[in-house]
Amino acid sequence: MDILLAREELTAKPKKVKFEKLLESLAKNEEEIFYFDRENSHKDMMAIVDKFEAAGYTVHFREVKYGLADDEYIYEIHSL
């Protein structure tokens, strides 16, 4: 499954990453905070949360607003 990481610049395009790479990073560090782009669907984000939980991790998911407009947010997943 491909997922879009959060943009570092407002005009930049989000980078794609495979879920397996995220899982490898989490296995190395045991705790990670991932930020994902708003272009990801909420359904895909819930699927990722489910996959992390199935792998035995505790997951905290939320939308982070960085502006006042409706489309100014990113997704945050904190995995332990």
PDB file of N, CA and C in Angstrom:
ATOM      1  N   MET A   1       0.843  -1.180   0.000  1.00  0.00           N
ATOM      2  CA  MET A   1       0.000   0.000   0.000  1.00  0.00           C
ATOM      3  C   MET A   1       0.886   1.239   0.000  1.00  0.00           C
ATOM      4  N   ASP A   2       0.637   2.159  -0.928  1.00  0.00           N
ATOM      5  CA  ASP A   2       1.357   3.425  -0.980  1.00  0.00           C
ATOM      6  C   ASP A   2       0.609   4.467  -0.173  1.00  0.00           C
ATOM      7  N   ILE A   3       1.360   5.289   0.524  1.00  0.00           N
ATOM      8  CA  ILE A   3       0.779   6.350   1.353  1.00  0.00           C
ATOM      9  C   ILE A   3       1.604   7.615   1.115  1.00  0.00           C
ATOM     10  N   LEU A   4       0.980   8.767   1.200  1.00  0.00           N
ATOM     11  CA  LEU A   4       1.662  10.036   0.952  1.00  0.00           C
ATOM     12  C   LEU A   4       2.107  10.660   2.272  1.00  0.00           C
ATOM     13  N   LEU A   5       3.402  10.945   2.371  1.00  0.00           N
ATOM     14  CA  LEU A   5       3.920  11.630   3.550  1.00  0.00           C
ATOM     15  C   LEU A   5       3.562  13.110   3.478  1.00  0.00           C
ATOM     16  N   ALA A   6       3.533  13.767   4.612  1.00  0.00           N
ATOM     17  CA  ALA A   6       3.189  15.196   4.657  1.00  0.00           C
ATOM     18  C   ALA A   6       4.223  16.009   3.881  1.00  0.00           C
ATOM     19  N   ARG A   7       3.745  17.058   3.256  1.00  0.00           N
ATOM     20  CA  ARG A   7       4.620  17.958   2.505  1.00  0.00           C
ATOM     21  C   ARG A   7       5.459  18.784   3.475  1.00  0.00           C
ATOM     22  N   GLU A   8       6.680  19.081   3.070  1.00  0.00           N
ATOM     23  CA  GLU A   8       7.521  19.953   3.873  1.00  0.00           C
ATOM     24  C   GLU A   8       7.344  21.413   3.463  1.00  0.00           C
ATOM     25  N   GLU A   9       6.873  21.638   2.252  1.00  0.00           N
ATOM     26  CA  GLU A   9       6.579  22.973   1.732  1.00  0.00           C
ATOM     27  C   GLU A   9       5.156  22.950   1.194  1.00  0.00           C
ATOM     28  N   LEU A  10       4.437  24.050   1.323  1.00  0.00           N
ATOM     29  CA  LEU A  10       3.051  24.086   0.856  1.00  0.00           C
ATOM     30  C   LEU A  10       2.925  23.856  -0.641  1.00  0.00           C
ATOM     31  N   THR A  11       3.934  24.277  -1.413  1.00  0.00           N
ATOM     32  CA  THR A  11       3.875  24.133  -2.864  1.00  0.00           C
ATOM     33  C   THR A  11       4.502  22.830  -3.353  1.00  0.00           C
ATOM     34  N   ALA A  12       5.121  22.071  -2.478  1.00  0.00           N
ATOM     35  CA  ALA A  12       5.770  20.812  -2.864  1.00  0.00           C
ATOM     36  C   ALA A  12       4.743  19.707  -3.054  1.00  0.00           C
ATOM     37  N   LYS A  13       5.154  18.674  -3.773  1.00  0.00           N
ATOM     38  CA  LYS A  13       4.297  17.505  -3.934  1.00  0.00           C
ATOM     39  C   LYS A  13       4.625  16.510  -2.823  1.00  0.00           C
ATOM     40  N   PRO A  14       3.622  15.818  -2.293  1.00  0.00           N
ATOM     41  CA  PRO A  14       3.901  14.835  -1.238  1.00  0.00           C
ATOM     42  C   PRO A  14       4.663  13.629  -1.782  1.00  0.00           C
ATOM     43  N   LYS A  15       5.519  13.055  -0.949  1.00  0.00           N
ATOM     44  CA  LYS A  15       6.300  11.883  -1.346  1.00  0.00           C
ATOM     45  C   LYS A  15       5.538  10.613  -0.998  1.00  0.00           C
ATOM     46  N   LYS A  16       5.633   9.620  -1.882  1.00  0.00           N
ATOM     47  CA  LYS A  16       4.989   8.326  -1.649  1.00  0.00           C
ATOM     48  C   LYS A  16       5.943   7.404  -0.909  1.00  0.00           C
ATOM     49  N   VAL A  17       5.379   6.600  -0.028  1.00  0.00           N
ATOM     50  CA  VAL A  17       6.161   5.598   0.689  1.00  0.00           C
ATOM     51  C   VAL A  17       5.287   4.360   0.855  1.00  0.00           C
ATOM     52  N   LYS A  18       5.900   3.212   0.850  1.00  0.00           N
ATOM     53  CA  LYS A  18       5.166   1.957   1.056  1.00  0.00           C
ATOM     54  C   LYS A  18       4.986   1.717   2.544  1.00  0.00           C
ATOM     55  N   PHE A  19       3.875   1.086   2.901  1.00  0.00           N
ATOM     56  CA  PHE A  19       3.592   0.791   4.303  1.00  0.00           C
ATOM     57  C   PHE A  19       4.696  -0.062   4.923  1.00  0.00           C
ATOM     58  N   GLU A  20       5.264  -0.962   4.151  1.00  0.00           N
ATOM     59  CA  GLU A  20       6.311  -1.839   4.654  1.00  0.00           C
ATOM     60  C   GLU A  20       7.520  -1.046   5.148  1.00  0.00           C
ATOM     61  N   LYS A  21       7.855   0.054   4.481  1.00  0.00           N
ATOM     62  CA  LYS A  21       8.971   0.910   4.910  1.00  0.00           C
ATOM     63  C   LYS A  21       8.659   1.557   6.260  1.00  0.00           C
ATOM     64  N   LEU A  22       7.404   1.968   6.451  1.00  0.00           N
ATOM     65  CA  LEU A  22       7.009   2.549   7.732  1.00  0.00           C
ATOM     66  C   LEU A  22       7.126   1.511   8.845  1.00  0.00           C
ATOM     67  N   LEU A  23       6.714   0.304   8.557  1.00  0.00           N
ATOM     68  CA  LEU A  23       6.779  -0.775   9.534  1.00  0.00           C
ATOM     69  C   LEU A  23       8.225  -1.118   9.875  1.00  0.00           C
ATOM     70  N   GLU A  24       9.121  -1.102   8.880  1.00  0.00           N
ATOM     71  CA  GLU A  24      10.541  -1.342   9.127  1.00  0.00           C
ATOM     72  C   GLU A  24      11.122  -0.255  10.028  1.00  0.00           C
ATOM     73  N   SER A  25      10.786   0.990   9.754  1.00  0.00           N
ATOM     74  CA  SER A  25      11.266   2.102  10.564  1.00  0.00           C
ATOM     75  C   SER A  25      10.777   1.987  11.994  1.00  0.00           C
ATOM     76  N   LEU A  26       9.542   1.586  12.160  1.00  0.00           N
ATOM     77  CA  LEU A  26       8.971   1.421  13.490  1.00  0.00           C
ATOM     78  C   LEU A  26       9.634   0.260  14.229  1.00  0.00           C
ATOM     79  N   ALA A  27       9.953  -0.806  13.520  1.00  0.00           N
ATOM     80  CA  ALA A  27      10.609  -1.958  14.142  1.00  0.00           C
ATOM     81  C   ALA A  27      12.007  -1.580  14.650  1.00  0.00           C
ATOM     82  N   LYS A  28      12.694  -0.694  13.941  1.00  0.00           N
ATOM     83  CA  LYS A  28      14.036  -0.259  14.351  1.00  0.00           C
ATOM     84  C   LYS A  28      13.987   0.650  15.575  1.00  0.00           C
ATOM     85  N   ASN A  29      13.037   1.580  15.593  1.00  0.00           N
ATOM     86  CA  ASN A  29      13.004   2.617  16.623  1.00  0.00           C
ATOM     87  C   ASN A  29      12.030   2.338  17.759  1.00  0.00           C
ATOM     88  N   GLU A  30      11.116   1.417  17.574  1.00  0.00           N
ATOM     89  CA  GLU A  30      10.100   1.025  18.546  1.00  0.00           C
ATOM     90  C   GLU A  30       9.082   2.109  18.857  1.00  0.00           C
ATOM     91  N   GLU A  31       9.344   3.331  18.464  1.00  0.00           N
ATOM     92  CA  GLU A  31       8.393   4.432  18.648  1.00  0.00           C
ATOM     93  C   GLU A  31       8.624   5.436  17.532  1.00  0.00           C
ATOM     94  N   GLU A  32       7.571   5.815  16.849  1.00  0.00           N
ATOM     95  CA  GLU A  32       7.666   6.763  15.735  1.00  0.00           C
ATOM     96  C   GLU A  32       6.436   7.648  15.714  1.00  0.00           C
ATOM     97  N   ILE A  33       6.634   8.857  15.205  1.00  0.00           N
ATOM     98  CA  ILE A  33       5.518   9.738  14.888  1.00  0.00           C
ATOM     99  C   ILE A  33       5.600   9.992  13.390  1.00  0.00           C
ATOM    100  N   PHE A  34       4.553   9.606  12.682  1.00  0.00           N
ATOM    101  CA  PHE A  34       4.489   9.775  11.236  1.00  0.00           C
ATOM    102  C   PHE A  34       3.480  10.863  10.907  1.00  0.00           C
ATOM    103  N   TYR A  35       3.812  11.693   9.907  1.00  0.00           N
ATOM    104  CA  TYR A  35       2.899  12.727   9.436  1.00  0.00           C
ATOM    105  C   TYR A  35       2.565  12.436   7.981  1.00  0.00           C
ATOM    106  N   PHE A  36       1.268  12.441   7.663  1.00  0.00           N
ATOM    107  CA  PHE A  36       0.799  12.090   6.336  1.00  0.00           C
ATOM    108  C   PHE A  36       0.021  13.241   5.722  1.00  0.00           C
ATOM    109  N   ASP A  37       0.046  13.307   4.404  1.00  0.00           N
ATOM    110  CA  ASP A  37      -0.592  14.387   3.662  1.00  0.00           C
ATOM    111  C   ASP A  37      -2.114  14.285   3.687  1.00  0.00           C
ATOM    112  N   ARG A  38      -2.765  15.415   3.545  1.00  0.00           N
ATOM    113  CA  ARG A  38      -4.226  15.465   3.555  1.00  0.00           C
ATOM    114  C   ARG A  38      -4.843  14.804   2.332  1.00  0.00           C
ATOM    115  N   GLU A  39      -4.049  14.559   1.285  1.00  0.00           N
ATOM    116  CA  GLU A  39      -4.559  13.903   0.079  1.00  0.00           C
ATOM    117  C   GLU A  39      -4.835  12.420   0.305  1.00  0.00           C
ATOM    118  N   ASN A  40      -4.344  11.853   1.382  1.00  0.00           N
ATOM    119  CA  ASN A  40      -4.677  10.471   1.732  1.00  0.00           C
ATOM    120  C   ASN A  40      -6.132  10.438   2.181  1.00  0.00           C
ATOM    121  N   SER A  41      -6.827   9.384   1.820  1.00  0.00           N
ATOM    122  CA  SER A  41      -8.206   9.278   2.263  1.00  0.00           C
ATOM    123  C   SER A  41      -8.259   8.837   3.722  1.00  0.00           C
ATOM    124  N   HIS A  42      -9.316   9.240   4.384  1.00  0.00           N
ATOM    125  CA  HIS A  42      -9.493   8.846   5.787  1.00  0.00           C
ATOM    126  C   HIS A  42      -9.585   7.324   5.894  1.00  0.00           C
ATOM    127  N   LYS A  43     -10.186   6.706   4.906  1.00  0.00           N
ATOM    128  CA  LYS A  43     -10.307   5.247   4.873  1.00  0.00           C
ATOM    129  C   LYS A  43      -8.921   4.590   4.830  1.00  0.00           C
ATOM    130  N   ASP A  44      -8.007   5.126   4.007  1.00  0.00           N
ATOM    131  CA  ASP A  44      -6.648   4.595   3.940  1.00  0.00           C
ATOM    132  C   ASP A  44      -5.908   4.786   5.261  1.00  0.00           C
ATOM    133  N   MET A  45      -6.147   5.917   5.905  1.00  0.00           N
ATOM    134  CA  MET A  45      -5.486   6.167   7.183  1.00  0.00           C
ATOM    135  C   MET A  45      -5.969   5.180   8.245  1.00  0.00           C
ATOM    136  N   MET A  46      -7.248   4.883   8.239  1.00  0.00           N
ATOM    137  CA  MET A  46      -7.782   3.904   9.196  1.00  0.00           C
ATOM    138  C   MET A  46      -7.230   2.503   8.903  1.00  0.00           C
ATOM    139  N   ALA A  47      -7.003   2.202   7.613  1.00  0.00           N
ATOM    140  CA  ALA A  47      -6.416   0.917   7.246  1.00  0.00           C
ATOM    141  C   ALA A  47      -4.986   0.810   7.781  1.00  0.00           C
ATOM    142  N   ILE A  48      -4.246   1.907   7.734  1.00  0.00           N
ATOM    143  CA  ILE A  48      -2.884   1.900   8.265  1.00  0.00           C
ATOM    144  C   ILE A  48      -2.893   1.726   9.778  1.00  0.00           C
ATOM    145  N   VAL A  49      -3.798   2.407  10.449  1.00  0.00           N
ATOM    146  CA  VAL A  49      -3.931   2.242  11.899  1.00  0.00           C
ATOM    147  C   VAL A  49      -4.220   0.777  12.224  1.00  0.00           C
ATOM    148  N   ASP A  50      -5.123   0.173  11.487  1.00  0.00           N
ATOM    149  CA  ASP A  50      -5.460  -1.241  11.712  1.00  0.00           C
ATOM    150  C   ASP A  50      -4.254  -2.149  11.484  1.00  0.00           C
ATOM    151  N   LYS A  51      -3.449  -1.852  10.449  1.00  0.00           N
ATOM    152  CA  LYS A  51      -2.274  -2.669  10.157  1.00  0.00           C
ATOM    153  C   LYS A  51      -1.223  -2.547  11.258  1.00  0.00           C
ATOM    154  N   PHE A  52      -1.017  -1.342  11.763  1.00  0.00           N
ATOM    155  CA  PHE A  52      -0.071  -1.166  12.879  1.00  0.00           C
ATOM    156  C   PHE A  52      -0.550  -1.931  14.108  1.00  0.00           C
ATOM    157  N   GLU A  53      -1.835  -1.832  14.400  1.00  0.00           N
ATOM    158  CA  GLU A  53      -2.380  -2.538  15.562  1.00  0.00           C
ATOM    159  C   GLU A  53      -2.293  -4.053  15.379  1.00  0.00           C
ATOM    160  N   ALA A  54      -2.498  -4.535  14.156  1.00  0.00           N
ATOM    161  CA  ALA A  54      -2.379  -5.971  13.888  1.00  0.00           C
ATOM    162  C   ALA A  54      -0.942  -6.450  14.059  1.00  0.00           C
ATOM    163  N   ALA A  55       0.016  -5.543  13.857  1.00  0.00           N
ATOM    164  CA  ALA A  55       1.425  -5.877  14.039  1.00  0.00           C
ATOM    165  C   ALA A  55       1.836  -5.797  15.512  1.00  0.00           C
ATOM    166  N   GLY A  56       0.895  -5.418  16.390  1.00  0.00           N
ATOM    167  CA  GLY A  56       1.168  -5.409  17.824  1.00  0.00           C
ATOM    168  C   GLY A  56       1.549  -4.064  18.413  1.00  0.00           C
ATOM    169  N   TYR A  57       1.348  -2.988  17.682  1.00  0.00           N
ATOM    170  CA  TYR A  57       1.688  -1.657  18.171  1.00  0.00           C
ATOM    171  C   TYR A  57       0.451  -0.930  18.690  1.00  0.00           C
ATOM    172  N   THR A  58       0.683  -0.027  19.630  1.00  0.00           N
ATOM    173  CA  THR A  58      -0.366   0.866  20.095  1.00  0.00           C
ATOM    174  C   THR A  58      -0.300   2.115  19.223  1.00  0.00           C
ATOM    175  N   VAL A  59      -1.456   2.569  18.744  1.00  0.00           N
ATOM    176  CA  VAL A  59      -1.486   3.662  17.768  1.00  0.00           C
ATOM    177  C   VAL A  59      -2.409   4.773  18.244  1.00  0.00           C
ATOM    178  N   HIS A  60      -1.925   6.016  18.121  1.00  0.00           N
ATOM    179  CA  HIS A  60      -2.736   7.205  18.390  1.00  0.00           C
ATOM    180  C   HIS A  60      -2.837   7.970  17.075  1.00  0.00           C
ATOM    181  N   PHE A  61      -4.053   8.239  16.622  1.00  0.00           N
ATOM    182  CA  PHE A  61      -4.302   8.877  15.335  1.00  0.00           C
ATOM    183  C   PHE A  61      -5.061  10.178  15.545  1.00  0.00           C
ATOM    184  N   ARG A  62      -4.665  11.218  14.821  1.00  0.00           N
ATOM    185  CA  ARG A  62      -5.417  12.475  14.877  1.00  0.00           C
ATOM    186  C   ARG A  62      -5.134  13.320  13.646  1.00  0.00           C
ATOM    187  N   GLU A  63      -6.032  14.268  13.404  1.00  0.00           N
ATOM    188  CA  GLU A  63      -5.836  15.271  12.362  1.00  0.00           C
ATOM    189  C   GLU A  63      -5.252  16.507  13.028  1.00  0.00           C
ATOM    190  N   VAL A  64      -4.197  17.048  12.446  1.00  0.00           N
ATOM    191  CA  VAL A  64      -3.532  18.231  12.990  1.00  0.00           C
ATOM    192  C   VAL A  64      -3.843  19.399  12.070  1.00  0.00           C
ATOM    193  N   LYS A  65      -4.545  20.413  12.591  1.00  0.00           N
ATOM    194  CA  LYS A  65      -4.859  21.623  11.827  1.00  0.00           C
ATOM    195  C   LYS A  65      -3.690  22.594  11.954  1.00  0.00           C
ATOM    196  N   TYR A  66      -3.237  23.150  10.836  1.00  0.00           N
ATOM    197  CA  TYR A  66      -2.160  24.142  10.872  1.00  0.00           C
ATOM    198  C   TYR A  66      -2.600  25.489  10.320  1.00  0.00           C
ATOM    199  N   GLY A  67      -3.870  25.634  10.034  1.00  0.00           N
ATOM    200  CA  GLY A  67      -4.414  26.894   9.542  1.00  0.00           C
ATOM    201  C   GLY A  67      -5.913  26.941   9.788  1.00  0.00           C
ATOM    202  N   LEU A  68      -6.537  28.010   9.345  1.00  0.00           N
ATOM    203  CA  LEU A  68      -7.962  28.184   9.588  1.00  0.00           C
ATOM    204  C   LEU A  68      -8.844  27.594   8.489  1.00  0.00           C
ATOM    205  N   ALA A  69      -8.296  27.392   7.300  1.00  0.00           N
ATOM    206  CA  ALA A  69      -9.083  26.835   6.198  1.00  0.00           C
ATOM    207  C   ALA A  69      -9.367  25.353   6.436  1.00  0.00           C
ATOM    208  N   ASP A  70     -10.447  24.870   5.834  1.00  0.00           N
ATOM    209  CA  ASP A  70     -10.839  23.472   6.019  1.00  0.00           C
ATOM    210  C   ASP A  70      -9.812  22.481   5.487  1.00  0.00           C
ATOM    211  N   ASP A  71      -9.059  22.877   4.452  1.00  0.00           N
ATOM    212  CA  ASP A  71      -8.096  21.945   3.857  1.00  0.00           C
ATOM    213  C   ASP A  71      -6.676  22.120   4.392  1.00  0.00           C
ATOM    214  N   GLU A  72      -6.517  22.791   5.495  1.00  0.00           N
ATOM    215  CA  GLU A  72      -5.196  23.000   6.084  1.00  0.00           C
ATOM    216  C   GLU A  72      -5.005  22.080   7.281  1.00  0.00           C
ATOM    217  N   TYR A  73      -4.750  20.823   6.982  1.00  0.00           N
ATOM    218  CA  TYR A  73      -4.530  19.825   8.024  1.00  0.00           C
ATOM    219  C   TYR A  73      -3.640  18.714   7.486  1.00  0.00           C
ATOM    220  N   ILE A  74      -3.051  17.966   8.397  1.00  0.00           N
ATOM    221  CA  ILE A  74      -2.316  16.756   8.070  1.00  0.00           C
ATOM    222  C   ILE A  74      -2.751  15.681   9.054  1.00  0.00           C
ATOM    223  N   TYR A  75      -2.417  14.450   8.755  1.00  0.00           N
ATOM    224  CA  TYR A  75      -2.714  13.346   9.655  1.00  0.00           C
ATOM    225  C   TYR A  75      -1.457  13.009  10.451  1.00  0.00           C
ATOM    226  N   GLU A  76      -1.644  12.674  11.712  1.00  0.00           N
ATOM    227  CA  GLU A  76      -0.540  12.268  12.565  1.00  0.00           C
ATOM    228  C   GLU A  76      -0.842  10.871  13.131  1.00  0.00           C
ATOM    229  N   ILE A  77       0.139  10.003  13.043  1.00  0.00           N
ATOM    230  CA  ILE A  77       0.034   8.686  13.669  1.00  0.00           C
ATOM    231  C   ILE A  77       1.235   8.500  14.572  1.00  0.00           C
ATOM    232  N   HIS A  78       0.985   8.327  15.845  1.00  0.00           N
ATOM    233  CA  HIS A  78       2.029   8.081  16.834  1.00  0.00           C
ATOM    234  C   HIS A  78       1.938   6.610  17.215  1.00  0.00           C
ATOM    235  N   SER A  79       2.986   5.876  16.897  1.00  0.00           N
ATOM    236  CA  SER A  79       2.985   4.427  17.132  1.00  0.00           C
ATOM    237  C   SER A  79       3.992   4.068  18.213  1.00  0.00           C
ATOM    238  N   LEU A  80       3.563   3.214  19.122  1.00  0.00           N
ATOM    239  CA  LEU A  80       4.411   2.739  20.215  1.00  0.00           C
ATOM    240  C   LEU A  80       4.509   1.238  20.168  1.00  0.00           C
TER     241      LEU A  80
END
